[in-house]
């Protein structure tokens, strides 16, 4: 028994049949002894009516109907398209216009399955029939649908990414781009498919990128940055990361992720400007204890070149007495703690040392630390000078306080002596007053009494009374009050005031002092003015008596 032909072999044999041998050969194929037992689903159909003329066991097993039942059915009872659509497809197949279809077929269980049908027109017993081979592609179509859905979802995800994503083949032709990439060049993704990078990218941009694409096509991951322009003609900077797509160890395409890093580059340029122009000492150091990057301020501060400072461990430039403290501070950075205002001394090329004040965050995940140091040498010198000045000032202040204490003690002694002298003066003054008064009472008063007794004329007696009164005024507190500089009375005004106090009228005062009435009146007014009695209803005699 000959070996059963496969579906592909049957298909190929049918396609090879040509000319007048067609009818005979098809009949031979249909009548082939093992066709009924062939693993492929095979149906022989009348294209005019759709009646199933013949079916094999594979069809019976697939559809769930017996062969006898199938051969009594029409294909329209299995095909879920409308009868008119089925009839149209049969006619197209009968004239050889179409020989491949995808149909929904219903099984005896009612389940709908998707099948692909290959059809060839044949002639059997002078009647045109259709020879059909059927494959169930339900799972494949479901997988294709799921794939399309996944591709749609993937497209949504990719289009939602602001970065530019492309897939190109080994000829640098676009096979896929996301919306962001197409919009960058002012078109839709479909406008780019099949086109070469060289046709889309500006010539200078493509030429700069070409070596990197060639490296990626050799199987290496590639990263580079390139300058380009956007649809508006504005200069932009992009980063490109490419990954080769392998199939059987051969690169068949490249996946590229393009990022617009213009703002980042501008920020880096600004940061580099600050880095280069900063008067502070900025550094990047690694875990090995070496400087990786230094700004120019280091050269200005220490005199070493940046190359010299990076060629040795930085501990070599630190003052020996500060090295242990510095390493402890570095250990703090290792443990995740920051450094704030840590001071140490760094060697200068001329052999001197400069004091630096450090601030730094901890080491990052890449094993790098970024720190800023400020040269505080002059500040420390000024502080030292200020401290010395404060010490000197404190010493001078203490000396001055000692002198003040000494002078205060001396003044206190002088004040005590002066107080004694003033008291002595007051005592002497009082004593002199007492002596004068005593002498007047004991010496002058008796004589005046004798003189009064011997006088015979009233005028002479009045003069003597005045003389006696004046002498008394000199020796009494009233006279002292009357002649006090605060009162401001003149000698004549004191005489007039004394006479008024003794009850003398203006006429009597005129006779006694030999003054005019106008002069005496003026003196009286001046006395009232100086005692604050002007325009007051106060008797001058009464007031003068109150001064005793």
Protein backbone atom coordinates (compact mmCIF):
# COMPACT_ATOMS: atom_id res chain seq x y z
CA UNK A 1 0.00 0.00 0.00
CA UNK A 2 1.42 3.32 -1.02
CA UNK A 3 2.17 6.00 1.61
CA UNK A 4 -0.68 8.48 2.22
CA UNK A 5 0.06 11.88 0.63
CA UNK A 6 0.13 15.00 2.81
CA UNK A 7 -2.10 18.02 2.29
CA UNK A 8 0.79 19.96 0.77
CA UNK A 9 1.47 17.12 -1.67
CA UNK A 10 -2.20 16.98 -2.69
CA UNK A 11 -2.24 20.74 -3.17
CA UNK A 12 0.89 20.63 -5.24
CA UNK A 13 -0.43 17.79 -7.45
CA UNK A 14 -3.67 19.66 -8.10
CA UNK A 15 -1.80 22.82 -9.03
CA UNK A 16 0.40 20.85 -11.43
CA UNK A 17 -2.60 19.48 -13.38
CA UNK A 18 -3.01 21.26 -16.69
CA UNK A 19 -4.61 20.85 -20.10
CA UNK A 20 -6.70 17.92 -21.31
CA UNK A 21 -5.41 15.65 -18.60
CA UNK A 22 -7.17 17.65 -15.89
CA UNK A 23 -10.39 15.62 -15.69
CA UNK A 24 -8.70 12.27 -15.67
CA UNK A 25 -6.08 13.25 -13.10
CA UNK A 26 -8.60 14.83 -10.75
CA UNK A 27 -10.76 11.78 -10.92
CA UNK A 28 -7.73 9.70 -10.14
CA UNK A 29 -7.00 11.88 -7.10
CA UNK A 30 -10.56 11.76 -5.86
CA UNK A 31 -10.73 8.07 -6.41
CA UNK A 32 -7.41 7.56 -4.70
CA UNK A 33 -7.88 4.60 -2.35
CA UNK A 34 -6.52 6.35 0.76
CA UNK A 35 -8.26 9.72 0.18
CA UNK A 36 -11.14 8.73 2.46
CA UNK A 37 -8.67 8.04 5.26
CA UNK A 38 -6.52 11.10 4.63
CA UNK A 39 -5.78 13.21 7.72
CA UNK A 40 -6.81 16.40 5.92
CA UNK A 41 -10.48 17.41 5.89
CA UNK A 42 -11.63 17.00 2.29
CA UNK A 43 -15.00 17.84 0.74
CA UNK A 44 -16.24 17.56 -2.86
CA UNK A 45 -19.01 20.16 -3.51
CA UNK A 46 -21.41 21.04 -6.30
CA UNK A 47 -20.75 24.78 -6.86
CA UNK A 48 -24.22 25.41 -8.25
CA UNK A 49 -26.22 23.98 -5.36
CA UNK A 50 -23.68 23.70 -2.58
CA UNK A 51 -24.49 20.03 -2.09
CA UNK A 52 -21.67 18.02 -0.52
CA UNK A 53 -20.95 15.22 -3.00
CA UNK A 54 -18.28 13.47 -1.03
CA UNK A 55 -16.61 13.75 2.43
CA UNK A 56 -13.81 11.81 4.06
CA UNK A 57 -13.46 10.41 7.57
CA UNK A 58 -11.46 13.48 8.71
CA UNK A 59 -14.50 15.63 7.80
CA UNK A 60 -16.77 13.26 9.68
CA UNK A 61 -14.57 13.48 12.77
CA UNK A 62 -14.25 17.25 12.56
CA UNK A 63 -17.86 18.26 11.93
CA UNK A 64 -19.40 15.52 14.07
CA UNK A 65 -21.72 14.33 11.33
CA UNK A 66 -21.50 10.91 9.70
CA UNK A 67 -20.22 10.79 6.15
CA UNK A 68 -23.70 9.76 5.02
CA UNK A 69 -25.25 12.76 6.75
CA UNK A 70 -22.63 15.14 5.35
CA UNK A 71 -23.28 13.88 1.81
CA UNK A 72 -26.96 14.79 2.29
CA UNK A 73 -26.17 18.35 3.44
CA UNK A 74 -25.35 21.56 1.69
CA UNK A 75 -22.26 23.59 2.49
CA UNK A 76 -24.62 26.48 3.35
CA UNK A 77 -25.76 24.47 6.39
CA UNK A 78 -22.21 24.45 7.67
CA UNK A 79 -20.94 27.84 6.49
CA UNK A 80 -22.26 30.64 8.71
CA UNK A 81 -22.17 33.26 6.00
CA UNK A 82 -25.44 34.14 4.38
CA UNK A 83 -26.58 31.72 1.62
CA UNK A 84 -26.08 34.44 -0.98
CA UNK A 85 -22.52 35.10 0.15
CA UNK A 86 -21.73 31.38 0.15
CA UNK A 87 -23.18 30.96 -3.34
CA UNK A 88 -21.11 33.91 -4.60
CA UNK A 89 -17.90 32.44 -3.16
CA UNK A 90 -18.68 29.05 -4.77
CA UNK A 91 -19.14 30.66 -8.16
CA UNK A 92 -15.88 32.63 -7.81
CA UNK A 93 -14.07 29.47 -6.91
CA UNK A 94 -15.70 27.49 -9.74
CA UNK A 95 -14.31 29.86 -12.38
CA UNK A 96 -10.89 29.92 -10.71
CA UNK A 97 -11.01 33.56 -9.54
CA UNK A 98 -10.46 32.68 -5.87
CA UNK A 99 -9.07 29.52 -4.34
CA UNK A 100 -8.52 30.63 -0.70
CA UNK A 101 -11.17 31.56 1.83
CA UNK A 102 -11.63 31.94 5.55
CA UNK A 103 -15.07 30.93 6.76
CA UNK A 104 -16.93 30.42 10.06
CA UNK A 105 -18.09 26.75 10.05
CA UNK A 106 -20.59 25.30 12.48
CA UNK A 107 -20.05 21.83 13.94
CA UNK A 108 -22.83 19.41 14.85
CA UNK A 109 -22.43 20.55 18.47
CA UNK A 110 -23.33 24.07 17.46
CA UNK A 111 -19.80 25.36 18.07
CA UNK A 112 -18.57 27.86 15.52
CA UNK A 113 -14.99 27.32 14.31
CA UNK A 114 -12.89 29.40 11.93
CA UNK A 115 -11.45 27.45 8.97
CA UNK A 116 -9.33 28.23 5.97
CA UNK A 117 -10.48 26.62 2.73
CA UNK A 118 -8.39 25.90 -0.34
CA UNK A 119 -10.55 25.28 -3.38
CA UNK A 120 -9.91 23.92 -6.90
CA UNK A 121 -12.44 23.37 -9.70
CA UNK A 122 -12.55 19.78 -10.99
CA UNK A 123 -14.68 17.81 -13.42
CA UNK A 124 -16.17 14.47 -12.46
CA UNK A 125 -18.45 12.55 -14.83
CA UNK A 126 -18.73 15.67 -16.97
CA UNK A 127 -19.91 17.71 -14.01
CA UNK A 128 -18.00 20.66 -12.57
CA UNK A 129 -17.30 20.23 -8.87
CA UNK A 130 -15.12 21.95 -6.23
CA UNK A 131 -12.38 20.07 -4.44
CA UNK A 132 -11.98 21.58 -0.94
CA UNK A 133 -9.31 21.04 1.70
CA UNK A 134 -10.15 22.51 5.08
CA UNK A 135 -7.93 23.52 8.03
CA UNK A 136 -9.16 24.62 11.42
CA UNK A 137 -7.47 27.96 12.18
CA UNK A 138 -9.60 28.95 15.15
CA UNK A 139 -6.70 28.95 17.62
CA UNK A 140 -4.48 30.73 15.14
CA UNK A 141 -7.09 33.43 14.51
CA UNK A 142 -7.66 33.80 18.23
CA UNK A 143 -3.93 34.12 18.70
CA UNK A 144 -3.77 36.64 15.86
CA UNK A 145 -6.62 38.58 17.42
CA UNK A 146 -4.92 38.52 20.80
CA UNK A 147 -1.69 39.55 19.11
CA UNK A 148 -3.45 42.43 17.37
CA UNK A 149 -5.00 43.47 20.66
CA UNK A 150 -1.62 43.26 22.36
CA UNK A 151 -0.06 45.17 19.49
CA UNK A 152 -2.78 47.77 19.85
CA UNK A 153 -2.19 48.00 23.56
CA UNK A 154 1.54 48.13 22.97
CA UNK A 155 1.01 50.85 20.40
CA UNK A 156 -1.05 52.82 22.94
CA UNK A 157 1.66 52.39 25.54
CA UNK A 158 4.44 53.30 23.13
CA UNK A 159 2.50 56.26 21.78
CA UNK A 160 1.95 57.43 25.34
CA UNK A 161 5.69 57.68 25.85
CA UNK A 162 7.12 61.12 25.21
CA UNK A 163 10.47 59.66 24.18
CA UNK A 164 11.02 58.80 20.52
CA UNK A 165 10.98 55.05 19.73
CA UNK A 166 11.85 53.45 16.40
CA UNK A 167 12.55 50.01 14.99
CA UNK A 168 14.67 49.85 11.83
CA UNK A 169 15.89 46.93 9.75
CA UNK A 170 19.46 46.14 8.82
CA UNK A 171 19.13 48.51 5.83
CA UNK A 172 18.26 51.37 8.23
CA UNK A 173 14.65 51.46 7.00
CA UNK A 174 11.79 52.34 9.33
CA UNK A 175 9.62 49.37 10.28
CA UNK A 176 8.01 50.98 13.33
CA UNK A 177 7.91 54.43 14.93
CA UNK A 178 5.81 55.78 17.78
CA UNK A 179 3.66 58.87 17.47
CA UNK A 180 6.17 61.09 19.28
CA UNK A 181 8.86 60.25 16.71
CA UNK A 182 6.54 60.93 13.76
CA UNK A 183 5.36 64.22 15.27
CA UNK A 184 8.99 65.28 15.75
CA UNK A 185 9.30 65.26 11.95
CA UNK A 186 5.78 66.54 11.32
CA UNK A 187 4.21 63.43 9.82
CA UNK A 188 2.31 60.25 10.73
CA UNK A 189 3.97 56.90 11.50
CA UNK A 190 2.70 55.42 8.21
CA UNK A 191 4.50 58.16 6.30
CA UNK A 192 7.81 56.85 7.63
CA UNK A 193 7.38 53.09 7.20
CA UNK A 194 9.75 51.69 4.59
CA UNK A 195 11.73 54.90 4.27
CA UNK A 196 15.44 55.11 5.06
CA UNK A 197 16.89 57.13 7.93
CA UNK A 198 18.98 58.90 5.33
CA UNK A 199 15.81 60.20 3.65
CA UNK A 200 14.41 61.65 6.89
CA UNK A 201 17.33 62.83 9.00
CA UNK A 202 19.23 66.01 8.10
CA UNK A 203 22.41 65.07 6.26
CA UNK A 204 24.83 66.25 8.97
CA UNK A 205 22.75 64.52 11.69
CA UNK A 206 22.71 61.24 9.71
CA UNK A 207 26.45 61.39 9.00
CA UNK A 208 27.29 61.90 12.67
CA UNK A 209 25.01 59.02 13.69
CA UNK A 210 25.98 56.54 10.96
CA UNK A 211 29.10 55.12 12.72
CA UNK A 212 27.00 54.35 15.80
CA UNK A 213 24.32 52.59 13.73
CA UNK A 214 27.02 50.49 12.08
CA UNK A 215 28.42 49.55 15.49
CA UNK A 216 24.94 48.51 16.66
CA UNK A 217 24.44 46.43 13.49
CA UNK A 218 27.62 44.61 14.49
CA UNK A 219 25.80 43.41 17.60
CA UNK A 220 26.77 45.97 20.25
CA UNK A 221 24.58 48.14 22.44
CA UNK A 222 25.28 51.77 21.61
CA UNK A 223 24.70 55.10 23.35
CA UNK A 224 25.53 58.47 21.84
CA UNK A 225 24.36 62.09 21.83
CA UNK A 226 23.67 64.08 18.71
CA UNK A 227 22.62 67.56 17.74
CA UNK A 228 19.59 67.88 15.45
CA UNK A 229 16.62 70.14 14.70
CA UNK A 230 12.90 69.67 15.28
CA UNK A 231 10.00 70.36 12.93
CA UNK A 232 10.09 74.04 13.97
CA UNK A 233 13.75 74.28 12.97
CA UNK A 234 14.94 74.72 16.55
CA UNK A 235 18.29 73.26 17.59
CA UNK A 236 17.91 70.26 19.86
CA UNK A 237 20.17 67.74 21.57
CA UNK A 238 19.10 64.10 21.73
CA UNK A 239 20.48 60.97 23.31
CA UNK A 240 20.17 57.71 21.36
CA UNK A 241 20.33 54.26 22.93
CA UNK A 242 20.26 51.37 20.42
CA UNK A 243 19.84 47.66 21.05
CA UNK A 244 20.39 45.06 18.30
CA UNK A 245 17.56 42.63 17.46
CA UNK A 246 18.97 39.16 16.85
CA UNK A 247 17.47 36.24 14.98
CA UNK A 248 19.55 33.08 14.79
CA UNK A 249 22.64 35.01 15.90
CA UNK A 250 22.18 37.54 13.12
CA UNK A 251 21.21 41.19 13.61
CA UNK A 252 18.02 41.80 11.66
CA UNK A 253 17.15 45.19 13.09
CA UNK A 254 17.73 47.83 15.74
CA UNK A 255 15.50 49.19 18.47
CA UNK A 256 16.35 52.82 19.27
CA UNK A 257 15.16 55.01 22.13
CA UNK A 258 15.68 58.70 21.42
CA UNK A 259 15.39 61.23 24.25
CA UNK A 260 15.20 64.98 23.92
CA UNK A 261 17.89 66.11 26.39
CA UNK A 262 18.09 69.73 25.28
CA UNK A 263 16.99 71.14 28.65
CA UNK A 264 19.26 68.72 30.50
CA UNK A 265 22.23 69.76 28.34
CA UNK A 266 21.40 73.42 28.91
CA UNK A 267 21.27 72.77 32.65
CA UNK A 268 24.57 70.87 32.43
CA UNK A 269 26.12 73.78 30.51
CA UNK A 270 24.90 76.20 33.16
CA UNK A 271 26.14 73.87 35.88
CA UNK A 272 29.52 73.62 34.15
CA UNK A 273 29.66 77.41 33.97
CA UNK A 274 28.99 77.62 37.71
CA UNK A 275 31.46 74.77 38.28
CA UNK A 276 34.21 76.53 36.34
CA UNK A 277 33.57 80.05 37.66
CA UNK A 278 32.83 79.23 41.30
CA UNK A 279 35.38 80.67 43.74
CA UNK A 280 34.66 77.72 46.03
CA UNK A 281 36.60 74.47 45.60
CA UNK A 282 34.25 71.84 44.10
CA UNK A 283 35.26 68.20 43.78
CA UNK A 284 34.03 64.75 42.82
CA UNK A 285 35.80 61.89 44.62
CA UNK A 286 35.48 58.10 44.54
CA UNK A 287 35.67 55.30 47.07
CA UNK A 288 39.36 54.73 46.28
CA UNK A 289 40.27 58.07 47.83
CA UNK A 290 41.08 59.91 44.59
CA UNK A 291 39.67 63.09 43.16
CA UNK A 292 37.79 62.36 39.92
CA UNK A 293 36.93 65.92 38.96
CA UNK A 294 38.01 69.34 40.23
CA UNK A 295 37.09 72.87 39.23
CA UNK A 296 39.73 75.53 38.36
CA UNK A 297 39.44 77.14 41.80
CA UNK A 298 41.66 74.34 43.16
CA UNK A 299 44.57 75.45 41.02
CA UNK A 300 44.11 79.06 42.13
CA UNK A 301 43.93 78.10 45.81
CA UNK A 302 46.70 75.50 46.13
CA UNK A 303 48.95 76.11 43.13
CA UNK A 304 48.89 72.44 42.00
CA UNK A 305 47.47 71.57 38.59
CA UNK A 306 44.27 69.55 38.46
CA UNK A 307 46.25 66.65 36.97
CA UNK A 308 48.66 66.73 39.91
CA UNK A 309 45.82 66.77 42.45
CA UNK A 310 44.03 63.84 40.75
CA UNK A 311 47.19 61.73 40.38
CA UNK A 312 47.56 60.98 44.09
CA UNK A 313 45.18 60.02 46.93
CA UNK A 314 43.79 63.24 48.35
CA UNK A 315 44.93 62.21 51.83
CA UNK A 316 48.51 63.00 50.66
CA UNK A 317 47.61 66.69 50.41
CA UNK A 318 46.08 66.94 53.90
CA UNK A 319 48.08 68.22 56.87
CA UNK A 320 49.42 65.23 58.88
CA UNK A 321 47.70 66.43 62.04
CA UNK A 322 44.33 66.56 60.21
CA UNK A 323 44.45 63.22 58.40
CA UNK A 324 42.84 61.07 61.11
CA UNK A 325 39.99 63.52 61.62
CA UNK A 326 39.49 63.71 57.86
CA UNK A 327 39.26 59.92 57.50
CA UNK A 328 36.68 59.80 60.30
CA UNK A 329 34.65 62.38 58.43
CA UNK A 330 34.91 60.29 55.23
CA UNK A 331 33.63 57.28 57.19
CA UNK A 332 30.60 59.37 58.16
CA UNK A 333 29.94 59.98 54.46
CA UNK A 334 30.18 56.21 53.87
CA UNK A 335 27.54 55.62 56.57
CA UNK A 336 25.05 57.98 54.91
CA UNK A 337 25.63 61.09 57.02
CA UNK A 338 26.39 64.53 55.63
CA UNK A 339 29.39 66.70 56.36
CA UNK A 340 28.72 70.26 57.51
CA UNK A 341 31.46 72.85 58.09
CA UNK A 342 34.26 70.37 58.64
CA UNK A 343 37.70 72.01 58.67
CA UNK A 344 41.10 70.69 57.66
CA UNK A 345 44.31 72.00 56.11
CA UNK A 346 45.53 71.32 52.57
CA UNK A 347 49.07 71.53 51.27
CA UNK A 348 49.95 74.25 48.77
CA UNK A 349 52.62 73.87 46.14
CA UNK A 350 54.79 76.46 47.90
CA UNK A 351 54.82 74.30 51.05
CA UNK A 352 52.33 76.33 53.07
CA UNK A 353 48.89 75.11 54.15
CA UNK A 354 45.46 76.58 53.64
CA UNK A 355 42.45 76.02 55.87
CA UNK A 356 39.37 74.65 54.08
CA UNK A 357 35.79 74.38 55.32
CA UNK A 358 33.88 71.41 53.82
CA UNK A 359 30.21 70.69 53.14
CA UNK A 360 29.11 67.45 51.47
CA UNK A 361 26.19 64.99 51.13
CA UNK A 362 26.91 61.26 51.65
CA UNK A 363 28.37 58.98 48.97
CA UNK A 364 25.79 58.18 46.29
CA UNK A 365 24.88 54.75 44.93
CA UNK A 366 27.59 55.03 42.28
CA UNK A 367 30.29 55.29 44.93
CA UNK A 368 30.90 58.98 44.28
CA UNK A 369 30.78 61.96 46.60
CA UNK A 370 30.36 65.61 45.62
CA UNK A 371 31.79 68.17 48.02
CA UNK A 372 32.36 71.91 48.24
CA UNK A 373 35.23 73.49 50.18
CA UNK A 374 35.78 77.15 50.99
CA UNK A 375 39.18 78.68 51.62
CA UNK A 376 38.87 80.16 55.11
CA UNK A 377 42.59 80.85 55.66
CA UNK A 378 42.22 84.63 55.68
CA UNK A 379 39.12 84.39 57.81
CA UNK A 380 40.95 82.29 60.40
CA UNK A 381 43.87 84.73 60.30
CA UNK A 382 41.46 87.61 60.85
CA UNK A 383 39.79 85.71 63.68
CA UNK A 384 43.16 85.05 65.26
CA UNK A 385 44.09 88.72 64.91
CA UNK A 386 40.70 89.66 66.35
CA UNK A 387 41.23 87.28 69.27
CA UNK A 388 44.65 88.80 69.92
CA UNK A 389 43.15 92.26 69.77
CA UNK A 390 40.42 91.19 72.17
CA UNK A 391 43.04 89.85 74.54
CA UNK A 392 45.00 93.10 74.35
CA UNK A 393 41.81 95.11 74.77
CA UNK A 394 40.80 92.99 77.71
CA UNK A 395 44.20 93.54 79.30
CA UNK A 396 44.01 97.30 78.69
CA UNK A 397 40.47 97.32 80.07
CA UNK A 398 41.62 95.51 83.19
CA UNK A 399 44.49 97.98 83.60
CA UNK A 400 42.08 100.89 83.06
CA UNK A 401 39.67 99.45 85.61
CA UNK A 402 42.54 99.18 88.09
CA UNK A 403 43.49 102.81 87.47
CA UNK A 404 39.85 103.87 87.78
CA UNK A 405 39.59 101.99 91.05
CA UNK A 406 42.75 103.68 92.24
CA UNK A 407 41.55 107.10 91.09
CA UNK A 408 38.12 106.44 92.59
CA UNK A 409 39.72 105.56 95.88
CA UNK A 410 41.84 108.71 95.67
CA UNK A 411 38.80 110.84 94.85
CA UNK A 412 36.87 109.26 97.66
CA UNK A 413 39.69 110.21 99.99
CA UNK A 414 39.75 113.74 98.57
CA UNK A 415 35.99 113.95 98.86
CA UNK A 416 36.20 112.88 102.46
CA UNK A 417 38.86 115.51 103.10
CA UNK A 418 36.84 118.13 101.23
CA UNK A 419 33.77 117.25 103.25
CA UNK A 420 35.78 117.74 106.40
CA UNK A 421 37.09 121.08 105.11
CA UNK A 422 33.60 122.26 104.10
CA UNK A 423 32.21 121.28 107.44
CA UNK A 424 35.10 123.08 109.09
CA UNK A 425 34.38 126.15 106.96
CA UNK A 426 30.72 126.10 107.89
CA UNK A 427 31.61 125.67 111.51
CA UNK A 428 34.12 128.55 111.30
CA UNK A 429 31.59 130.67 109.52
CA UNK A 430 28.99 130.03 112.16
CA UNK A 431 31.53 130.69 114.82
CA UNK A 432 32.54 134.00 113.18
CA UNK A 433 28.87 135.00 113.03
CA UNK A 434 28.45 134.15 116.68
CA UNK A 435 31.59 136.08 117.52
CA UNK A 436 30.41 139.13 115.59
CA UNK A 437 27.02 139.03 117.23
CA UNK A 438 28.60 138.48 120.63
CA UNK A 439 30.98 141.39 120.07
CA UNK A 440 28.07 143.59 118.93
CA UNK A 441 26.05 142.74 122.01
CA UNK A 442 28.91 143.06 124.39
CA UNK A 443 30.87 145.94 122.88
CA UNK A 444 28.83 148.06 120.46
CA UNK A 445 25.36 147.72 121.93
CA UNK A 446 26.33 149.21 125.35
CA UNK A 447 28.03 152.15 123.70
CA UNK A 448 25.06 152.83 121.52
CA UNK A 449 22.76 152.71 124.52
CA UNK A 450 24.92 155.32 126.24
CA UNK A 451 24.94 157.41 123.08
CA UNK A 452 21.15 157.24 122.87
CA UNK A 453 20.79 158.40 126.41
CA UNK A 454 22.94 161.44 125.69
CA UNK A 455 21.16 162.48 122.47
CA UNK A 456 18.77 165.45 122.56
CA UNK A 457 17.56 165.76 118.99
CA UNK A 458 14.98 163.35 117.53
CA UNK A 459 16.69 163.18 114.15
CA UNK A 460 19.91 162.10 115.74
CA UNK A 461 17.99 159.42 117.62
CA UNK A 462 16.45 158.15 114.39
CA UNK A 463 19.83 157.96 112.75
CA UNK A 464 21.14 156.05 115.70
CA UNK A 465 18.19 153.65 115.45
CA UNK A 466 18.91 153.09 111.81
CA UNK A 467 22.55 152.44 112.58
CA UNK A 468 21.58 149.99 115.26
CA UNK A 469 19.13 148.24 112.97
CA UNK A 470 21.69 147.99 110.18
CA UNK A 471 24.27 146.48 112.52
CA UNK A 472 21.70 143.96 113.67
CA UNK A 473 20.82 143.09 110.11
CA UNK A 474 24.44 142.30 109.43
CA UNK A 475 24.53 139.94 112.32
CA UNK A 476 21.14 138.24 111.78
CA UNK A 477 19.89 135.58 109.31
CA UNK A 478 17.56 138.13 107.68
CA UNK A 479 20.46 140.18 106.54
CA UNK A 480 22.05 137.04 105.16
CA UNK A 481 18.84 136.18 103.28
CA UNK A 482 18.45 139.73 102.00
CA UNK A 483 22.00 139.94 100.65
CA UNK A 484 21.96 136.41 99.13
CA UNK A 485 22.95 136.59 95.44
CA UNK A 486 19.77 134.66 94.60
CA UNK A 487 17.70 137.60 95.79
CA UNK A 488 19.74 139.96 93.66
CA UNK A 489 19.13 143.03 95.88
CA UNK A 490 21.47 146.00 95.66
CA UNK A 491 22.95 147.54 98.82
CA UNK A 492 20.49 150.49 98.63
CA UNK A 493 17.58 148.04 98.13
CA UNK A 494 18.77 146.13 101.22
CA UNK A 495 18.70 149.44 103.20
CA UNK A 496 15.19 150.25 101.91
CA UNK A 497 13.98 146.70 102.68
CA UNK A 498 15.37 146.91 106.23
CA UNK A 499 13.59 150.26 106.84
CA UNK A 500 10.30 148.91 105.42
CA UNK A 501 10.62 145.89 107.69
CA UNK A 502 11.11 148.25 110.67
CA UNK A 503 7.86 150.02 109.77
CA UNK A 504 9.30 153.19 108.19
CA UNK A 505 7.15 155.07 105.68
CA UNK A 506 8.43 156.29 102.31
CA UNK A 507 8.69 159.84 103.69
CA UNK A 508 10.74 158.68 106.66
CA UNK A 509 12.99 156.59 104.39
CA UNK A 510 13.50 159.66 102.12
CA UNK A 511 14.68 161.70 105.13
CA UNK A 512 16.88 158.92 106.49
CA UNK A 513 18.58 157.99 103.23
CA UNK A 514 18.48 161.45 101.77
CA UNK A 515 16.84 160.09 98.57
CA UNK A 516 13.94 161.42 96.52
CA UNK A 517 10.47 159.97 96.96
CA UNK A 518 10.59 158.67 93.34
CA UNK A 519 13.86 156.84 94.00
CA UNK A 520 12.54 155.20 97.17
CA UNK A 521 9.31 154.17 95.36
CA UNK A 522 11.34 152.66 92.51
CA UNK A 523 13.46 150.70 95.01
CA UNK A 524 10.30 149.38 96.68
CA UNK A 525 8.92 148.25 93.29
CA UNK A 526 12.22 146.52 92.44
CA UNK A 527 12.17 144.72 95.77
CA UNK A 528 8.61 143.46 95.16
CA UNK A 529 9.61 142.39 91.63
CA UNK A 530 12.68 140.49 92.81
CA UNK A 531 10.70 138.72 95.57
CA UNK A 532 7.95 137.79 93.05
CA UNK A 533 5.35 140.04 94.72
CA UNK A 534 4.49 142.30 91.78
CA UNK A 535 0.77 142.43 91.04
CA UNK A 536 0.09 140.44 94.21
CA UNK A 537 -1.89 141.64 97.18
CA UNK A 538 0.90 140.95 99.66
CA UNK A 539 2.14 143.51 102.12
CA UNK A 540 5.91 144.03 101.67
CA UNK A 541 6.58 144.59 105.38
CA UNK A 542 4.66 141.43 106.29
CA UNK A 543 6.61 139.43 103.70
CA UNK A 544 9.98 140.79 104.91
CA UNK A 545 9.14 139.92 108.47
CA UNK A 546 8.32 136.35 107.34
CA UNK A 547 11.89 135.94 106.16
CA UNK A 548 13.20 135.92 109.76
